[in-house]
């Protein structure tokens, strides 16, 4: 069993309260945006640099 400090309890409650107000569609949209950025960043990392 884990013992939480009062500060941790307040933080977890606030996060859960905030999550309760978020719609699933909004979460899906955010994940889509993040995955597109992640794909773009990883594809740029794999590109060879042009010779100078």
PDB file of N, CA and C in Angstrom:
ATOM      1  N   UNK A   1       0.839  -1.180   0.000  1.00  0.00           N
ATOM      2  CA  UNK A   1       0.000   0.000   0.000  1.00  0.00           C
ATOM      3  C   UNK A   1       0.887   1.248   0.000  1.00  0.00           C
ATOM      4  N   UNK A   2       0.442   2.277  -0.692  1.00  0.00           N
ATOM      5  CA  UNK A   2       1.209   3.514  -0.814  1.00  0.00           C
ATOM      6  C   UNK A   2       0.597   4.575   0.098  1.00  0.00           C
ATOM      7  N   UNK A   3       1.450   5.286   0.780  1.00  0.00           N
ATOM      8  CA  UNK A   3       0.993   6.397   1.614  1.00  0.00           C
ATOM      9  C   UNK A   3       1.273   7.698   0.874  1.00  0.00           C
ATOM     10  N   UNK A   4       0.233   8.516   0.735  1.00  0.00           N
ATOM     11  CA  UNK A   4       0.375   9.786   0.031  1.00  0.00           C
ATOM     12  C   UNK A   4       0.384  10.939   1.016  1.00  0.00           C
ATOM     13  N   UNK A   5       1.151  11.962   0.675  1.00  0.00           N
ATOM     14  CA  UNK A   5       1.139  13.170   1.487  1.00  0.00           C
ATOM     15  C   UNK A   5      -0.134  13.954   1.169  1.00  0.00           C
ATOM     16  N   UNK A   6      -0.543  14.855   2.043  1.00  0.00           N
ATOM     17  CA  UNK A   6      -1.725  15.675   1.746  1.00  0.00           C
ATOM     18  C   UNK A   6      -1.577  16.471   0.441  1.00  0.00           C
ATOM     19  N   UNK A   7      -0.375  16.946   0.143  1.00  0.00           N
ATOM     20  CA  UNK A   7      -0.144  17.671  -1.111  1.00  0.00           C
ATOM     21  C   UNK A   7      -0.371  16.771  -2.324  1.00  0.00           C
ATOM     22  N   UNK A   8       0.081  15.529  -2.237  1.00  0.00           N
ATOM     23  CA  UNK A   8      -0.103  14.591  -3.340  1.00  0.00           C
ATOM     24  C   UNK A   8      -1.584  14.272  -3.546  1.00  0.00           C
ATOM     25  N   UNK A   9      -2.319  14.144  -2.450  1.00  0.00           N
ATOM     26  CA  UNK A   9      -3.752  13.876  -2.544  1.00  0.00           C
ATOM     27  C   UNK A   9      -4.457  15.028  -3.246  1.00  0.00           C
ATOM     28  N   UNK A  10      -4.122  16.256  -2.869  1.00  0.00           N
ATOM     29  CA  UNK A  10      -4.736  17.426  -3.491  1.00  0.00           C
ATOM     30  C   UNK A  10      -4.393  17.467  -4.980  1.00  0.00           C
ATOM     31  N   UNK A  11      -3.156  17.176  -5.327  1.00  0.00           N
ATOM     32  CA  UNK A  11      -2.738  17.177  -6.728  1.00  0.00           C
ATOM     33  C   UNK A  11      -3.496  16.127  -7.536  1.00  0.00           C
ATOM     34  N   UNK A  12      -3.612  14.925  -7.000  1.00  0.00           N
ATOM     35  CA  UNK A  12      -4.321  13.858  -7.700  1.00  0.00           C
ATOM     36  C   UNK A  12      -5.793  14.218  -7.865  1.00  0.00           C
ATOM     37  N   UNK A  13      -6.397  14.775  -6.833  1.00  0.00           N
ATOM     38  CA  UNK A  13      -7.799  15.185  -6.933  1.00  0.00           C
ATOM     39  C   UNK A  13      -7.992  16.250  -8.004  1.00  0.00           C
ATOM     40  N   UNK A  14      -7.074  17.207  -8.080  1.00  0.00           N
ATOM     41  CA  UNK A  14      -7.214  18.265  -9.078  1.00  0.00           C
ATOM     42  C   UNK A  14      -7.030  17.720 -10.492  1.00  0.00           C
ATOM     43  N   UNK A  15      -6.114  16.788 -10.659  1.00  0.00           N
ATOM     44  CA  UNK A  15      -5.913  16.174 -11.975  1.00  0.00           C
ATOM     45  C   UNK A  15      -7.153  15.381 -12.380  1.00  0.00           C
ATOM     46  N   UNK A  16      -7.700  14.615 -11.457  1.00  0.00           N
ATOM     47  CA  UNK A  16      -8.893  13.828 -11.765  1.00  0.00           C
ATOM     48  C   UNK A  16     -10.086  14.725 -12.071  1.00  0.00           C
ATOM     49  N   UNK A  17     -10.207  15.825 -11.349  1.00  0.00           N
ATOM     50  CA  UNK A  17     -11.296  16.768 -11.612  1.00  0.00           C
ATOM     51  C   UNK A  17     -11.151  17.385 -12.997  1.00  0.00           C
ATOM     52  N   UNK A  18      -9.924  17.737 -13.359  1.00  0.00           N
ATOM     53  CA  UNK A  18      -9.681  18.307 -14.681  1.00  0.00           C
ATOM     54  C   UNK A  18      -9.963  17.283 -15.773  1.00  0.00           C
ATOM     55  N   UNK A  19      -9.559  16.044 -15.561  1.00  0.00           N
ATOM     56  CA  UNK A  19      -9.799  14.999 -16.551  1.00  0.00           C
ATOM     57  C   UNK A  19     -11.286  14.711 -16.725  1.00  0.00           C
ATOM     58  N   UNK A  20     -12.038  14.840 -15.665  1.00  0.00           N
ATOM     59  CA  UNK A  20     -13.474  14.580 -15.741  1.00  0.00           C
ATOM     60  C   UNK A  20     -14.157  15.559 -16.702  1.00  0.00           C
ATOM     61  N   UNK A  21     -13.615  16.766 -16.803  1.00  0.00           N
ATOM     62  CA  UNK A  21     -14.215  17.775 -17.667  1.00  0.00           C
ATOM     63  C   UNK A  21     -13.809  17.684 -19.126  1.00  0.00           C
ATOM     64  N   UNK A  22     -12.821  16.855 -19.433  1.00  0.00           N
ATOM     65  CA  UNK A  22     -12.335  16.734 -20.806  1.00  0.00           C
ATOM     66  C   UNK A  22     -13.162  15.690 -21.547  1.00  0.00           C
ATOM     67  N   UNK A  23     -13.555  16.022 -22.752  1.00  0.00           N
ATOM     68  CA  UNK A  23     -14.316  15.081 -23.565  1.00  0.00           C
ATOM     69  C   UNK A  23     -13.361  14.135 -24.278  1.00  0.00           C
ATOM     70  N   UNK A  24     -13.823  12.922 -24.518  1.00  0.00           N
ATOM     71  CA  UNK A  24     -12.999  11.910 -25.178  1.00  0.00           C
ATOM     72  C   UNK A  24     -12.560  12.399 -26.558  1.00  0.00           C
ATOM     73  N   UNK A  25     -13.436  13.087 -27.258  1.00  0.00           N
ATOM     74  CA  UNK A  25     -13.100  13.595 -28.594  1.00  0.00           C
ATOM     75  C   UNK A  25     -11.917  14.568 -28.520  1.00  0.00           C
ATOM     76  N   UNK A  26     -11.896  15.404 -27.469  1.00  0.00           N
ATOM     77  CA  UNK A  26     -10.791  16.346 -27.309  1.00  0.00           C
ATOM     78  C   UNK A  26      -9.480  15.619 -27.042  1.00  0.00           C
ATOM     79  N   UNK A  27      -9.552  14.554 -26.266  1.00  0.00           N
ATOM     80  CA  UNK A  27      -8.348  13.764 -25.983  1.00  0.00           C
ATOM     81  C   UNK A  27      -7.848  13.102 -27.263  1.00  0.00           C
ATOM     82  N   UNK A  28      -8.771  12.536 -28.039  1.00  0.00           N
ATOM     83  CA  UNK A  28      -8.382  11.902 -29.305  1.00  0.00           C
ATOM     84  C   UNK A  28      -7.734  12.909 -30.251  1.00  0.00           C
ATOM     85  N   UNK A  29      -8.294  14.107 -30.306  1.00  0.00           N
ATOM     86  CA  UNK A  29      -7.745  15.154 -31.184  1.00  0.00           C
ATOM     87  C   UNK A  29      -6.330  15.534 -30.718  1.00  0.00           C
ATOM     88  N   UNK A  30      -6.137  15.671 -29.416  1.00  0.00           N
ATOM     89  CA  UNK A  30      -4.817  16.023 -28.893  1.00  0.00           C
ATOM     90  C   UNK A  30      -3.804  14.925 -29.181  1.00  0.00           C
ATOM     91  N   UNK A  31      -4.210  13.667 -29.028  1.00  0.00           N
ATOM     92  CA  UNK A  31      -3.302  12.562 -29.320  1.00  0.00           C
ATOM     93  C   UNK A  31      -2.930  12.527 -30.799  1.00  0.00           C
ATOM     94  N   UNK A  32      -3.885  12.844 -31.657  1.00  0.00           N
ATOM     95  CA  UNK A  32      -3.611  12.876 -33.089  1.00  0.00           C
ATOM     96  C   UNK A  32      -2.587  13.955 -33.420  1.00  0.00           C
ATOM     97  N   UNK A  33      -2.765  15.131 -32.843  1.00  0.00           N
ATOM     98  CA  UNK A  33      -1.831  16.237 -33.084  1.00  0.00           C
ATOM     99  C   UNK A  33      -0.440  15.855 -32.585  1.00  0.00           C
ATOM    100  N   UNK A  34      -0.379  15.280 -31.384  1.00  0.00           N
ATOM    101  CA  UNK A  34       0.921  14.901 -30.827  1.00  0.00           C
ATOM    102  C   UNK A  34       1.583  13.806 -31.653  1.00  0.00           C
ATOM    103  N   UNK A  35       0.804  12.850 -32.142  1.00  0.00           N
ATOM    104  CA  UNK A  35       1.403  11.774 -32.927  1.00  0.00           C
ATOM    105  C   UNK A  35       1.921  12.308 -34.261  1.00  0.00           C
ATOM    106  N   UNK A  36       1.228  13.276 -34.863  1.00  0.00           N
ATOM    107  CA  UNK A  36       1.708  13.876 -36.104  1.00  0.00           C
ATOM    108  C   UNK A  36       3.020  14.607 -35.870  1.00  0.00           C
ATOM    109  N   UNK A  37       3.112  15.338 -34.758  1.00  0.00           N
ATOM    110  CA  UNK A  37       4.353  16.046 -34.452  1.00  0.00           C
ATOM    111  C   UNK A  37       5.475  15.058 -34.180  1.00  0.00           C
ATOM    112  N   UNK A  38       5.147  13.947 -33.510  1.00  0.00           N
ATOM    113  CA  UNK A  38       6.147  12.935 -33.193  1.00  0.00           C
ATOM    114  C   UNK A  38       6.666  12.283 -34.472  1.00  0.00           C
ATOM    115  N   UNK A  39       5.769  12.006 -35.402  1.00  0.00           N
ATOM    116  CA  UNK A  39       6.170  11.404 -36.675  1.00  0.00           C
ATOM    117  C   UNK A  39       7.050  12.375 -37.456  1.00  0.00           C
ATOM    118  N   UNK A  40       6.670  13.647 -37.467  1.00  0.00           N
ATOM    119  CA  UNK A  40       7.463  14.646 -38.173  1.00  0.00           C
ATOM    120  C   UNK A  40       8.847  14.804 -37.579  1.00  0.00           C
ATOM    121  N   UNK A  41       8.933  14.782 -36.268  1.00  0.00           N
ATOM    122  CA  UNK A  41      10.229  14.937 -35.601  1.00  0.00           C
ATOM    123  C   UNK A  41      11.106  13.721 -35.848  1.00  0.00           C
ATOM    124  N   UNK A  42      10.527  12.520 -35.799  1.00  0.00           N
ATOM    125  CA  UNK A  42      11.347  11.328 -35.987  1.00  0.00           C
ATOM    126  C   UNK A  42      11.770  11.170 -37.441  1.00  0.00           C
ATOM    127  N   UNK A  43      10.942  11.619 -38.400  1.00  0.00           N
ATOM    128  CA  UNK A  43      11.348  11.509 -39.799  1.00  0.00           C
ATOM    129  C   UNK A  43      12.463  12.498 -40.113  1.00  0.00           C
ATOM    130  N   UNK A  44      12.469  13.658 -39.463  1.00  0.00           N
ATOM    131  CA  UNK A  44      13.544  14.613 -39.687  1.00  0.00           C
ATOM    132  C   UNK A  44      14.838  14.138 -39.070  1.00  0.00           C
ATOM    133  N   UNK A  45      14.754  13.383 -37.976  1.00  0.00           N
ATOM    134  CA  UNK A  45      15.961  12.864 -37.343  1.00  0.00           C
ATOM    135  C   UNK A  45      16.638  11.833 -38.250  1.00  0.00           C
ATOM    136  N   UNK A  46      15.834  11.100 -39.031  1.00  0.00           N
ATOM    137  CA  UNK A  46      16.376  10.040 -39.861  1.00  0.00           C
ATOM    138  C   UNK A  46      16.836  10.516 -41.220  1.00  0.00           C
ATOM    139  N   UNK A  47      16.564  11.768 -41.574  1.00  0.00           N
ATOM    140  CA  UNK A  47      16.983  12.286 -42.878  1.00  0.00           C
ATOM    141  C   UNK A  47      18.479  12.530 -42.882  1.00  0.00           C
ATOM    142  N   UNK A  48      19.137  12.147 -43.978  1.00  0.00           N
ATOM    143  CA  UNK A  48      20.564  12.445 -44.066  1.00  0.00           C
ATOM    144  C   UNK A  48      20.775  13.940 -44.292  1.00  0.00           C
ATOM    145  N   UNK A  49      21.849  14.446 -43.753  1.00  0.00           N
ATOM    146  CA  UNK A  49      22.138  15.866 -43.958  1.00  0.00           C
ATOM    147  C   UNK A  49      22.792  16.042 -45.317  1.00  0.00           C
ATOM    148  N   UNK A  50      22.390  17.067 -46.051  1.00  0.00           N
ATOM    149  CA  UNK A  50      22.974  17.265 -47.389  1.00  0.00           C
ATOM    150  C   UNK A  50      24.451  17.656 -47.271  1.00  0.00           C
ATOM    151  N   UNK A  51      25.260  17.226 -48.239  1.00  0.00           N
ATOM    152  CA  UNK A  51      26.682  17.602 -48.194  1.00  0.00           C
ATOM    153  C   UNK A  51      26.862  19.083 -48.447  1.00  0.00           C
ATOM    154  N   UNK A  52      27.883  19.627 -47.848  1.00  0.00           N
ATOM    155  CA  UNK A  52      28.137  21.073 -47.981  1.00  0.00           C
ATOM    156  C   UNK A  52      29.046  21.355 -49.161  1.00  0.00           C
TER     157      UNK A  52
END
